[in-house]
Amino acid sequence: MKIDFNTYKDKVMGCWAGKNVGGVLGGPLEGKRKFNEVDFYVQDLSAGPPPNDDLDLQLVWLTAVERFGRQVDASILGEYWLSYIVPNWVEYGTGKANLANGLMPPVSGHFNNRYANSCGCFIRSEIWACLAPGLPDLAVRYAYEDAIVDHSGEGMYGELFCAALESAAFVESDARKLIDIGLSYIPDNCAVARCVKKAVECYNGKLPLTEARVLIHNEAPGTFGAYGQKIPNIPTEGGKLAVGDPGFDCPENVGFLIAGWLYGEGDFGKSLCSAVACGEDTDCTAATLGSILGIISGAKKIPEKWTDPLGDKIATLCINLTWGGVWVPKTVTELTDRVLRITPLFLGIEHCDILAEGGYVINCKDADELSCQNEDDYLVGYTADYNPRGLYPGELAHLGPHTTWYSFPTHHVLVDCGKDIYYYPGSGRKFTVTLINNNIMNQQTWCKLRVYAPDSITFIKGPAYEMQLNTLRGDRGVYTFEFDAGDYSESRLEILLDISFTGRHTCTPVKITMLKGPG
């Protein structure tokens, strides 16, 4: 299956125009727990659209991709997050605090993050879909790197679902098929999947949207629309909303955007208004749905009623422009042009024919290949060229939240700290190091692992270990270091792991950070 340049351009522009419309529509009603009767914008737009974080956060990601291309990963995105993202609230703030404390992704998105399951990353999924159109496995691959900077669990699943669906929407327009494709990339029993299925069930059962809203919420209750309210059960049309857990907001809001899509029955404005009607995180639900509908229809078919009040303008709120280093597009047209320029480099010759007559052509998945092929392999399908971690297909999906990874020209490194990242004075502790051949070293080689730590730290079998690493890409060596913390009692323990190879010059240090355990 192929996408020609003009079709691709129209759909990319439709994505960002739809995102802009939905974010502006839902913005004033964000955080309100009620059924919103709306049919158009409720704010004065005479000065153009107000800023909205649902769109502008991704502009920083675009800048990172323009510099690092397909090698962009969670560590690089984390550096951009610390340097250019202004907000310090909830999951954004927790992720930044963890990164600033030396914790690498995915630990940065998981550790002490009460809002890891919230909405802040599924709203960033569009950039990966636009850079990998009709290639949902690849879009999901990079959406994962994005999500784990400041989210984990259900928050991450929300972004994977949206990225897969949006990428597939470049070549598939049927809502039911697209929903199934998105679901195929996340666990069947996760809360995001349950809320999506509940939305479909309610629509199939011809329930009023007022009742569907309650049932979707009660499937995985969140609190986004009830912050500061000490109300155990909030009466609504059609039933009562269950008490939710603070920060557990992604599942129901993804369910609401799917409900808006289905209950809108193909009408752009009705769909967005239906999503906003459900309340809660209305700018996120409407903005993401607007991007999906914009990809499917293309910019040319988005009703002018919705786009004319906004013009072509993009307004930003969350980007720090004082340090330089990021170039923020001021219009949807400019943003689209920048995506079009970087896509061939991001996809490479395997998926993009830049010499095609009339502009480049993108080679996409066939219709029967858009879904994840193995329910136990949620990140299956990306090739070695798009696998900077050196992991087997699907392996990323099964790594624990306390496993960090590092990529070098010759090899990749996984450091698994186990069930947590705590150490305790006077107690033993382990961490496991895995080296993976990156196929540059085309011969058997010996590698030496040496750790450097504060004087109080004693390594049980010594601070160094040598092992062979075999020739082929993916071959790996594994070693577990065990140490006694002795009387070391600082709040943070940093261990430097140096990895060297006989006959090679590349220096590959890795820092392992642990925190003093509670109590």
Protein backbone atom coordinates (compact mmCIF):
# COMPACT_ATOMS: atom_id res chain seq x y z
CA MET A 1 0.00 0.00 0.00
CA LYS A 2 1.33 3.44 -0.92
CA ILE A 3 0.60 7.08 -0.10
CA ASP A 4 1.44 9.68 -2.75
CA PHE A 5 2.94 12.99 -1.70
CA ASN A 6 -0.14 15.18 -2.19
CA THR A 7 -2.40 12.82 -0.24
CA TYR A 8 0.14 12.59 2.54
CA LYS A 9 0.50 16.38 2.70
CA ASP A 10 -3.27 16.89 2.90
CA LYS A 11 -3.62 14.33 5.70
CA VAL A 12 -0.72 15.74 7.74
CA MET A 13 -2.22 19.20 7.46
CA GLY A 14 -5.61 17.74 8.37
CA CYS A 15 -4.07 16.16 11.47
CA TRP A 16 -2.74 19.45 12.83
CA ALA A 17 -5.73 21.52 11.76
CA GLY A 18 -8.07 19.02 13.45
CA LYS A 19 -5.87 19.00 16.54
CA ASN A 20 -6.05 22.77 16.70
CA VAL A 21 -9.84 22.84 16.34
CA GLY A 22 -10.47 20.20 19.00
CA GLY A 23 -8.09 21.74 21.52
CA VAL A 24 -9.66 25.17 21.16
CA LEU A 25 -13.20 23.77 21.35
CA GLY A 26 -12.54 21.77 24.51
CA GLY A 27 -10.19 24.16 26.27
CA PRO A 28 -12.70 26.31 28.20
CA LEU A 29 -14.56 23.23 29.48
CA GLU A 30 -11.50 21.29 30.64
CA GLY A 31 -11.71 19.85 34.14
CA LYS A 32 -15.47 20.18 34.52
CA ARG A 33 -17.45 17.14 35.62
CA LYS A 34 -20.75 17.68 33.85
CA PHE A 35 -22.49 16.93 30.58
CA ASN A 36 -21.56 19.82 28.30
CA GLU A 37 -24.19 20.92 25.80
CA VAL A 38 -22.04 22.57 23.10
CA ASP A 39 -22.32 22.93 19.35
CA PHE A 40 -19.53 25.43 18.63
CA TYR A 41 -16.69 27.40 20.21
CA VAL A 42 -17.69 29.12 23.43
CA GLN A 43 -14.86 31.69 23.65
CA ASP A 44 -14.05 34.89 21.76
CA LEU A 45 -11.69 34.00 18.90
CA SER A 46 -11.42 37.42 17.32
CA ALA A 47 -7.71 37.50 18.23
CA GLY A 48 -7.08 33.97 16.98
CA PRO A 49 -6.80 30.64 18.82
CA PRO A 50 -5.58 30.55 22.43
CA PRO A 51 -2.53 28.40 23.23
CA ASN A 52 -3.03 24.75 24.10
CA ASP A 53 -0.49 22.21 25.38
CA ASP A 54 -2.09 19.39 23.39
CA LEU A 55 -0.38 20.69 20.27
CA ASP A 56 2.66 22.64 21.34
CA LEU A 57 4.39 19.87 23.36
CA GLN A 58 4.89 17.93 20.14
CA LEU A 59 6.69 20.83 18.52
CA VAL A 60 9.61 20.13 20.84
CA TRP A 61 9.62 16.48 19.75
CA LEU A 62 9.72 17.61 16.10
CA THR A 63 12.83 19.65 16.85
CA ALA A 64 14.48 16.61 18.43
CA VAL A 65 13.68 14.46 15.38
CA GLU A 66 15.02 17.13 13.03
CA ARG A 67 18.36 16.86 14.81
CA PHE A 68 18.58 13.15 15.69
CA GLY A 69 16.31 11.49 13.13
CA ARG A 70 15.40 7.87 13.70
CA GLN A 71 17.94 7.61 16.51
CA VAL A 72 15.77 9.71 18.80
CA ASP A 73 14.93 7.84 22.00
CA ALA A 74 13.57 8.40 25.49
CA SER A 75 16.88 9.70 26.82
CA ILE A 76 17.13 12.32 24.07
CA LEU A 77 13.48 13.28 24.47
CA GLY A 78 14.07 13.56 28.22
CA GLU A 79 16.86 16.08 27.66
CA TYR A 80 14.57 18.14 25.43
CA TRP A 81 11.80 17.83 28.03
CA LEU A 82 14.05 19.24 30.76
CA SER A 83 15.36 22.04 28.56
CA TYR A 84 12.29 23.30 26.75
CA ILE A 85 9.07 22.22 28.51
CA VAL A 86 7.77 24.84 30.96
CA PRO A 87 5.01 23.09 32.99
CA ASN A 88 5.93 21.63 36.36
CA TRP A 89 2.50 20.28 37.22
CA VAL A 90 1.41 16.67 37.85
CA GLU A 91 3.01 14.06 35.56
CA TYR A 92 5.03 16.67 33.68
CA GLY A 93 6.53 17.95 36.91
CA THR A 94 7.13 14.49 38.34
CA GLY A 95 8.91 13.37 35.18
CA LYS A 96 11.07 16.49 35.18
CA ALA A 97 11.93 16.08 38.87
CA ASN A 98 12.94 12.46 38.32
CA LEU A 99 15.04 13.32 35.27
CA ALA A 100 16.72 16.15 37.17
CA ASN A 101 17.52 13.70 39.96
CA GLY A 102 19.41 11.48 37.53
CA LEU A 103 16.69 8.88 36.94
CA MET A 104 16.59 7.62 33.35
CA PRO A 105 13.43 6.67 31.45
CA PRO A 106 11.46 4.51 32.04
CA VAL A 107 12.20 5.08 35.76
CA SER A 108 11.56 8.81 35.30
CA GLY A 109 8.01 8.15 34.17
CA HIS A 110 7.25 5.54 36.82
CA PHE A 111 8.98 6.39 40.10
CA ASN A 112 6.72 8.10 42.67
CA ASN A 113 4.53 9.28 39.80
CA ARG A 114 0.98 9.52 41.06
CA TYR A 115 -0.05 10.77 37.60
CA ALA A 116 1.71 8.14 35.49
CA ASN A 117 -1.71 6.96 34.29
CA SER A 118 -2.97 10.40 33.31
CA CYS A 119 -3.56 12.06 29.94
CA GLY A 120 -0.34 13.96 29.28
CA CYS A 121 1.20 11.63 26.72
CA PHE A 122 -1.63 10.29 24.56
CA ILE A 123 -2.05 13.90 23.44
CA ARG A 124 1.52 13.75 22.01
CA SER A 125 0.92 10.76 19.75
CA GLU A 126 0.23 12.59 16.48
CA ILE A 127 3.85 13.46 15.68
CA TRP A 128 4.77 9.77 15.55
CA ALA A 129 1.76 8.90 13.40
CA CYS A 130 2.62 11.68 10.94
CA LEU A 131 6.26 10.56 10.74
CA ALA A 132 5.22 6.91 10.29
CA PRO A 133 2.01 7.05 8.20
CA GLY A 134 0.48 3.65 7.51
CA LEU A 135 3.19 2.08 9.68
CA PRO A 136 1.51 1.72 13.09
CA ASP A 137 4.15 -0.64 14.46
CA LEU A 138 6.79 2.02 13.86
CA ALA A 139 4.62 4.83 15.23
CA VAL A 140 4.04 2.77 18.38
CA ARG A 141 7.77 2.11 18.69
CA TYR A 142 8.53 5.81 19.01
CA ALA A 143 5.37 6.63 20.96
CA TYR A 144 6.72 4.24 23.59
CA GLU A 145 9.99 6.20 23.82
CA ASP A 146 7.92 9.37 24.21
CA ALA A 147 5.52 8.02 26.84
CA ILE A 148 8.07 6.64 29.29
CA VAL A 149 9.69 10.04 29.82
CA ASP A 150 6.89 11.01 32.21
CA HIS A 151 4.29 8.20 32.19
CA SER A 152 3.94 4.46 32.60
CA GLY A 153 1.18 1.85 32.73
CA GLU A 154 -2.20 3.06 31.50
CA GLY A 155 -0.85 6.47 30.52
CA MET A 156 1.63 4.76 28.22
CA TYR A 157 -1.03 2.40 26.83
CA GLY A 158 -3.16 5.41 25.92
CA GLU A 159 -0.40 6.84 23.74
CA LEU A 160 0.38 3.50 22.10
CA PHE A 161 -3.31 3.03 21.26
CA CYS A 162 -3.67 6.50 19.77
CA ALA A 163 -0.40 6.37 17.82
CA ALA A 164 -1.31 3.05 16.21
CA LEU A 165 -4.82 4.21 15.33
CA GLU A 166 -3.66 7.55 13.93
CA SER A 167 -0.90 6.00 11.85
CA ALA A 168 -3.32 3.46 10.38
CA ALA A 169 -5.80 6.27 9.64
CA PHE A 170 -3.50 7.45 6.83
CA VAL A 171 -4.51 4.36 4.84
CA GLU A 172 -7.72 3.14 6.53
CA SER A 173 -10.87 5.21 7.15
CA ASP A 174 -13.28 2.75 8.79
CA ALA A 175 -13.71 3.71 12.45
CA ARG A 176 -14.34 0.17 13.69
CA LYS A 177 -11.29 -1.21 11.92
CA LEU A 178 -9.12 1.60 13.23
CA ILE A 179 -10.30 1.06 16.80
CA ASP A 180 -9.46 -2.64 16.51
CA ILE A 181 -6.02 -1.80 15.12
CA GLY A 182 -5.33 0.49 18.07
CA LEU A 183 -6.51 -2.13 20.54
CA SER A 184 -4.22 -4.74 19.02
CA TYR A 185 -1.16 -2.85 20.30
CA ILE A 186 -2.14 -2.76 23.98
CA PRO A 187 -3.00 -5.50 26.50
CA ASP A 188 -6.53 -6.79 26.07
CA ASN A 189 -7.43 -6.38 29.74
CA CYS A 190 -5.83 -3.00 30.44
CA ALA A 191 -8.11 -0.18 31.58
CA VAL A 192 -7.65 1.81 28.36
CA ALA A 193 -8.83 -1.17 26.32
CA ARG A 194 -11.78 -1.75 28.65
CA CYS A 195 -12.96 1.85 28.36
CA VAL A 196 -12.63 1.81 24.57
CA LYS A 197 -14.64 -1.40 24.40
CA LYS A 198 -17.25 0.05 26.76
CA ALA A 199 -17.68 3.04 24.43
CA VAL A 200 -18.22 0.68 21.49
CA GLU A 201 -20.61 -1.45 23.54
CA CYS A 202 -22.69 1.58 24.55
CA TYR A 203 -22.96 2.82 20.98
CA ASN A 204 -23.86 -0.63 19.68
CA GLY A 205 -26.53 -0.84 22.37
CA LYS A 206 -27.99 2.52 21.28
CA LEU A 207 -27.61 4.00 24.76
CA PRO A 208 -27.86 7.79 25.04
CA LEU A 209 -24.49 9.52 25.29
CA THR A 210 -25.44 10.74 28.77
CA GLU A 211 -25.62 7.13 29.96
CA ALA A 212 -22.58 6.01 27.97
CA ARG A 213 -20.53 8.71 29.68
CA VAL A 214 -21.34 7.30 33.11
CA LEU A 215 -20.65 3.69 32.13
CA ILE A 216 -17.31 4.57 30.53
CA HIS A 217 -16.25 6.53 33.60
CA ASN A 218 -17.30 3.77 35.97
CA GLU A 219 -15.30 1.20 33.99
CA ALA A 220 -12.09 2.90 35.17
CA PRO A 221 -12.96 5.92 37.32
CA GLY A 222 -10.73 8.96 37.15
CA THR A 223 -10.87 12.29 38.96
CA PHE A 224 -9.90 14.86 36.33
CA GLY A 225 -13.26 16.60 36.44
CA ALA A 226 -13.60 16.53 40.22
CA TYR A 227 -10.33 17.98 41.55
CA GLY A 228 -10.93 19.76 44.83
CA GLN A 229 -14.45 18.39 45.21
CA LYS A 230 -15.19 16.30 48.30
CA ILE A 231 -18.14 14.55 46.75
CA PRO A 232 -18.27 10.75 47.11
CA ASN A 233 -20.84 10.23 44.34
CA ILE A 234 -21.67 12.91 41.84
CA PRO A 235 -25.17 12.63 40.34
CA THR A 236 -25.35 12.84 36.56
CA GLU A 237 -27.84 12.19 33.86
CA GLY A 238 -28.32 8.42 33.66
CA GLY A 239 -26.57 7.39 36.87
CA LYS A 240 -23.83 8.18 39.36
CA LEU A 241 -20.11 8.44 38.78
CA ALA A 242 -17.94 6.21 40.94
CA VAL A 243 -15.15 7.60 43.06
CA GLY A 244 -11.89 7.59 41.11
CA ASP A 245 -8.22 7.51 41.97
CA PRO A 246 -6.37 10.83 41.58
CA GLY A 247 -4.24 10.75 38.45
CA PHE A 248 -5.94 7.69 36.93
CA ASP A 249 -7.43 9.69 34.07
CA CYS A 250 -6.17 8.33 30.76
CA PRO A 251 -8.46 5.29 30.36
CA GLU A 252 -11.82 7.03 30.66
CA ASN A 253 -10.74 10.02 28.56
CA VAL A 254 -9.56 7.77 25.73
CA GLY A 255 -12.94 6.07 26.07
CA PHE A 256 -14.66 9.45 25.80
CA LEU A 257 -12.87 10.36 22.58
CA ILE A 258 -13.93 7.03 21.06
CA ALA A 259 -17.50 7.64 22.23
CA GLY A 260 -17.44 11.09 20.63
CA TRP A 261 -16.24 9.58 17.38
CA LEU A 262 -18.93 6.90 17.28
CA TYR A 263 -21.80 9.07 18.49
CA GLY A 264 -20.76 11.77 16.01
CA GLU A 265 -21.56 9.28 13.22
CA GLY A 266 -19.14 10.68 10.68
CA ASP A 267 -19.86 14.38 11.22
CA PHE A 268 -16.70 16.31 12.16
CA GLY A 269 -18.35 18.93 14.38
CA LYS A 270 -20.86 16.60 15.98
CA SER A 271 -18.08 14.15 16.85
CA LEU A 272 -15.93 16.76 18.58
CA CYS A 273 -18.91 18.21 20.44
CA SER A 274 -19.90 14.72 21.57
CA ALA A 275 -16.43 14.14 22.99
CA VAL A 276 -16.54 17.50 24.79
CA ALA A 277 -20.03 16.68 26.09
CA CYS A 278 -18.55 13.87 28.19
CA GLY A 279 -16.60 16.36 30.29
CA GLU A 280 -13.36 15.69 32.19
CA ASP A 281 -10.23 16.40 30.08
CA THR A 282 -12.16 17.92 27.20
CA ASP A 283 -9.32 19.65 25.37
CA CYS A 284 -7.37 16.37 25.25
CA THR A 285 -10.28 14.25 24.05
CA ALA A 286 -11.47 16.70 21.41
CA ALA A 287 -7.97 17.57 20.19
CA THR A 288 -6.95 13.94 19.72
CA LEU A 289 -10.24 13.10 18.04
CA GLY A 290 -9.86 16.16 15.80
CA SER A 291 -6.49 14.90 14.64
CA ILE A 292 -7.90 11.44 13.86
CA LEU A 293 -10.76 12.89 11.83
CA GLY A 294 -8.39 15.33 10.11
CA ILE A 295 -6.07 12.51 9.06
CA ILE A 296 -8.96 10.49 7.67
CA SER A 297 -10.57 13.34 5.73
CA GLY A 298 -7.56 15.48 4.95
CA ALA A 299 -7.45 19.23 5.58
CA LYS A 300 -9.47 20.04 2.47
CA LYS A 301 -12.57 18.31 3.85
CA ILE A 302 -12.58 19.77 7.36
CA PRO A 303 -15.57 22.14 7.41
CA GLU A 304 -14.54 25.79 7.06
CA LYS A 305 -17.00 26.60 9.83
CA TRP A 306 -14.45 25.12 12.24
CA THR A 307 -11.17 26.23 10.68
CA ASP A 308 -11.97 29.80 9.60
CA PRO A 309 -12.21 31.24 13.17
CA LEU A 310 -8.73 29.90 13.90
CA GLY A 311 -7.12 30.77 10.62
CA ASP A 312 -3.81 28.96 10.16
CA LYS A 313 -2.34 30.13 13.44
CA ILE A 314 -0.68 28.01 16.14
CA ALA A 315 -0.34 29.55 19.61
CA THR A 316 2.08 28.01 22.12
CA LEU A 317 2.05 28.02 25.90
CA CYS A 318 4.37 25.33 27.25
CA ILE A 319 7.63 25.87 25.36
CA ASN A 320 10.59 27.75 26.81
CA LEU A 321 11.86 29.93 23.96
CA THR A 322 14.41 31.91 25.98
CA TRP A 323 17.28 29.41 25.57
CA GLY A 324 17.16 29.03 21.80
CA GLY A 325 17.55 25.60 20.23
CA VAL A 326 13.91 25.13 19.23
CA TRP A 327 12.20 26.68 16.24
CA VAL A 328 8.46 26.83 16.79
CA PRO A 329 6.22 26.93 13.71
CA LYS A 330 3.63 29.68 13.87
CA THR A 331 1.11 28.13 11.49
CA VAL A 332 -0.37 24.75 10.63
CA THR A 333 1.07 25.15 7.13
CA GLU A 334 4.58 25.72 8.47
CA LEU A 335 4.29 22.76 10.83
CA THR A 336 3.10 20.55 7.99
CA ASP A 337 5.98 21.61 5.76
CA ARG A 338 8.53 20.76 8.45
CA VAL A 339 7.03 17.29 8.93
CA LEU A 340 7.09 16.73 5.17
CA ARG A 341 10.77 17.64 5.01
CA ILE A 342 11.91 15.32 7.79
CA THR A 343 9.77 12.25 6.97
CA PRO A 344 12.00 10.83 4.17
CA LEU A 345 15.04 10.96 6.46
CA PHE A 346 13.09 9.45 9.34
CA LEU A 347 11.68 6.58 7.26
CA GLY A 348 14.70 5.92 5.04
CA ILE A 349 14.69 4.20 1.65
CA GLU A 350 12.85 1.15 2.96
CA HIS A 351 9.61 3.08 3.34
CA CYS A 352 10.06 6.25 1.29
CA ASP A 353 10.86 6.60 -2.43
CA ILE A 354 12.12 10.18 -2.70
CA LEU A 355 12.68 9.90 -6.46
CA ALA A 356 9.08 9.09 -7.33
CA GLU A 357 7.54 11.29 -10.00
CA GLY A 358 5.41 14.09 -8.56
CA GLY A 359 6.99 13.97 -5.11
CA TYR A 360 8.04 11.20 -2.78
CA VAL A 361 5.85 8.15 -2.17
CA ILE A 362 5.55 6.34 1.17
CA ASN A 363 5.37 2.55 1.24
CA CYS A 364 2.95 1.51 3.97
CA LYS A 365 1.68 -1.69 5.51
CA ASP A 366 -0.97 -3.63 3.62
CA ALA A 367 -4.44 -3.62 5.18
CA ASP A 368 -4.01 -7.06 6.75
CA GLU A 369 -0.67 -6.02 8.32
CA LEU A 370 -1.81 -2.90 10.15
CA SER A 371 -2.81 -4.72 13.34
CA CYS A 372 -0.28 -6.12 15.79
CA GLN A 373 0.18 -9.73 14.73
CA ASN A 374 0.83 -11.24 18.15
CA GLU A 375 -1.12 -10.28 21.26
CA ASP A 376 1.89 -11.07 23.44
CA ASP A 377 4.19 -8.86 21.36
CA TYR A 378 2.76 -5.36 21.55
CA LEU A 379 5.76 -3.73 19.90
CA VAL A 380 6.28 -6.36 17.23
CA GLY A 381 7.31 -5.62 13.68
CA TYR A 382 9.95 -2.91 13.72
CA THR A 383 13.06 -3.81 11.75
CA ALA A 384 16.69 -3.67 12.81
CA ASP A 385 17.04 -0.24 11.21
CA TYR A 386 14.36 1.12 13.52
CA ASN A 387 15.56 -0.74 16.59
CA PRO A 388 18.10 1.48 18.33
CA ARG A 389 17.77 -0.58 21.50
CA GLY A 390 18.90 -3.81 19.87
CA LEU A 391 16.04 -5.69 21.49
CA TYR A 392 14.07 -8.57 20.08
CA PRO A 393 10.64 -7.66 18.66
CA GLY A 394 8.26 -7.08 21.50
CA GLU A 395 10.92 -7.18 24.19
CA LEU A 396 10.48 -3.51 25.08
CA ALA A 397 6.87 -4.19 26.01
CA HIS A 398 7.96 -6.69 28.66
CA LEU A 399 10.79 -4.78 30.31
CA GLY A 400 10.10 -3.68 33.85
CA PRO A 401 9.87 0.01 34.79
CA HIS A 402 13.24 -0.20 36.57
CA THR A 403 15.20 -1.39 33.52
CA THR A 404 17.13 1.39 31.79
CA TRP A 405 18.96 1.10 28.49
CA TYR A 406 21.74 2.86 26.65
CA SER A 407 22.80 2.72 23.01
CA PHE A 408 26.30 3.01 21.59
CA PRO A 409 27.71 2.43 18.07
CA THR A 410 29.03 -1.01 18.97
CA HIS A 411 26.48 -2.30 21.47
CA HIS A 412 23.43 -1.67 23.63
CA VAL A 413 23.26 -1.93 27.41
CA LEU A 414 20.34 -2.91 29.64
CA VAL A 415 20.60 -2.33 33.39
CA ASP A 416 17.89 -4.10 35.37
CA CYS A 417 17.52 -2.99 38.99
CA GLY A 418 14.70 -5.44 39.67
CA LYS A 419 11.57 -4.58 41.64
CA ASP A 420 12.63 -1.04 42.63
CA ILE A 421 15.54 1.43 42.62
CA TYR A 422 16.15 1.52 46.38
CA TYR A 423 19.26 0.56 48.28
CA TYR A 424 19.47 0.17 52.08
CA PRO A 425 22.53 0.87 54.26
CA GLY A 426 24.05 -2.33 55.61
CA SER A 427 22.15 -4.49 53.12
CA GLY A 428 22.97 -6.40 49.95
CA ARG A 429 21.77 -5.31 46.52
CA LYS A 430 21.96 -6.61 42.94
CA PHE A 431 21.64 -5.25 39.44
CA THR A 432 21.98 -7.12 36.15
CA VAL A 433 23.84 -5.83 33.10
CA THR A 434 23.03 -7.13 29.61
CA LEU A 435 25.22 -6.27 26.61
CA ILE A 436 23.78 -6.69 23.11
CA ASN A 437 25.92 -6.74 19.96
CA ASN A 438 24.98 -3.98 17.49
CA ASN A 439 26.50 -5.77 14.49
CA ILE A 440 29.38 -3.34 14.06
CA MET A 441 31.70 -5.69 15.89
CA ASN A 442 31.92 -8.46 13.30
CA GLN A 443 34.09 -10.77 15.32
CA GLN A 444 34.18 -12.44 18.71
CA THR A 445 35.37 -9.93 21.26
CA TRP A 446 36.14 -9.73 24.94
CA CYS A 447 34.49 -7.01 26.98
CA LYS A 448 35.34 -5.81 30.45
CA LEU A 449 32.79 -4.44 32.92
CA ARG A 450 34.16 -2.38 35.78
CA VAL A 451 32.14 -0.50 38.38
CA TYR A 452 33.19 2.58 40.36
CA ALA A 453 31.32 3.41 43.55
CA PRO A 454 31.79 5.27 46.88
CA ASP A 455 34.34 3.70 49.22
CA SER A 456 31.66 2.31 51.55
CA ILE A 457 30.22 0.14 48.78
CA THR A 458 31.74 -3.37 48.59
CA PHE A 459 31.17 -5.55 45.53
CA ILE A 460 30.87 -9.18 46.61
CA LYS A 461 32.73 -10.72 43.64
CA GLY A 462 34.89 -7.70 42.96
CA PRO A 463 34.30 -4.56 40.88
CA ALA A 464 35.28 -6.05 37.50
CA TYR A 465 34.18 -8.88 35.23
CA GLU A 466 35.28 -10.02 31.75
CA MET A 467 33.17 -11.96 29.26
CA GLN A 468 32.94 -12.76 25.58
CA LEU A 469 30.39 -11.16 23.28
CA ASN A 470 29.59 -13.15 20.18
CA THR A 471 29.55 -11.93 16.59
CA LEU A 472 25.98 -11.63 15.33
CA ARG A 473 23.54 -8.77 15.84
CA GLY A 474 21.50 -9.46 18.93
CA ASP A 475 24.03 -11.75 20.58
CA ARG A 476 24.25 -10.87 24.23
CA GLY A 477 26.19 -11.32 27.43
CA VAL A 478 24.70 -11.05 30.93
CA TYR A 479 26.29 -10.47 34.32
CA THR A 480 24.83 -9.66 37.75
CA PHE A 481 26.74 -7.39 40.11
CA GLU A 482 26.08 -7.77 43.82
CA PHE A 483 27.21 -5.29 46.45
CA ASP A 484 26.89 -4.51 50.15
CA ALA A 485 26.02 -0.89 50.92
CA GLY A 486 27.96 -0.94 54.21
CA ASP A 487 27.58 2.33 56.11
CA TYR A 488 26.82 4.38 53.00
CA SER A 489 23.68 6.40 53.78
CA GLU A 490 23.46 9.27 51.32
CA SER A 491 20.07 9.97 49.76
CA ARG A 492 21.36 8.99 46.34
CA LEU A 493 23.85 6.32 45.30
CA GLU A 494 25.57 6.69 41.95
CA ILE A 495 27.58 3.83 40.47
CA LEU A 496 29.59 4.30 37.29
CA LEU A 497 29.75 1.26 35.03
CA ASP A 498 32.54 1.40 32.45
CA ILE A 499 32.35 -1.02 29.52
CA SER A 500 35.37 -1.49 27.30
CA PHE A 501 36.21 -3.88 24.47
CA THR A 502 39.58 -5.39 23.68
CA GLY A 503 41.03 -3.70 20.60
CA ARG A 504 38.38 -0.98 20.39
CA HIS A 505 38.57 2.68 21.31
CA THR A 506 34.93 3.52 22.08
CA CYS A 507 34.37 4.58 25.69
CA THR A 508 30.95 3.57 26.96
CA PRO A 509 30.26 4.68 30.54
CA VAL A 510 26.84 4.10 32.10
CA LYS A 511 25.60 5.69 35.32
CA ILE A 512 23.36 3.65 37.64
CA THR A 513 21.35 5.70 40.11
CA MET A 514 19.66 4.30 43.21
CA LEU A 515 17.88 6.10 46.02
CA LYS A 516 18.05 5.40 49.74
CA GLY A 517 15.08 3.26 50.69
CA PRO A 518 12.35 4.57 52.96
CA GLY A 519 12.56 3.71 56.64
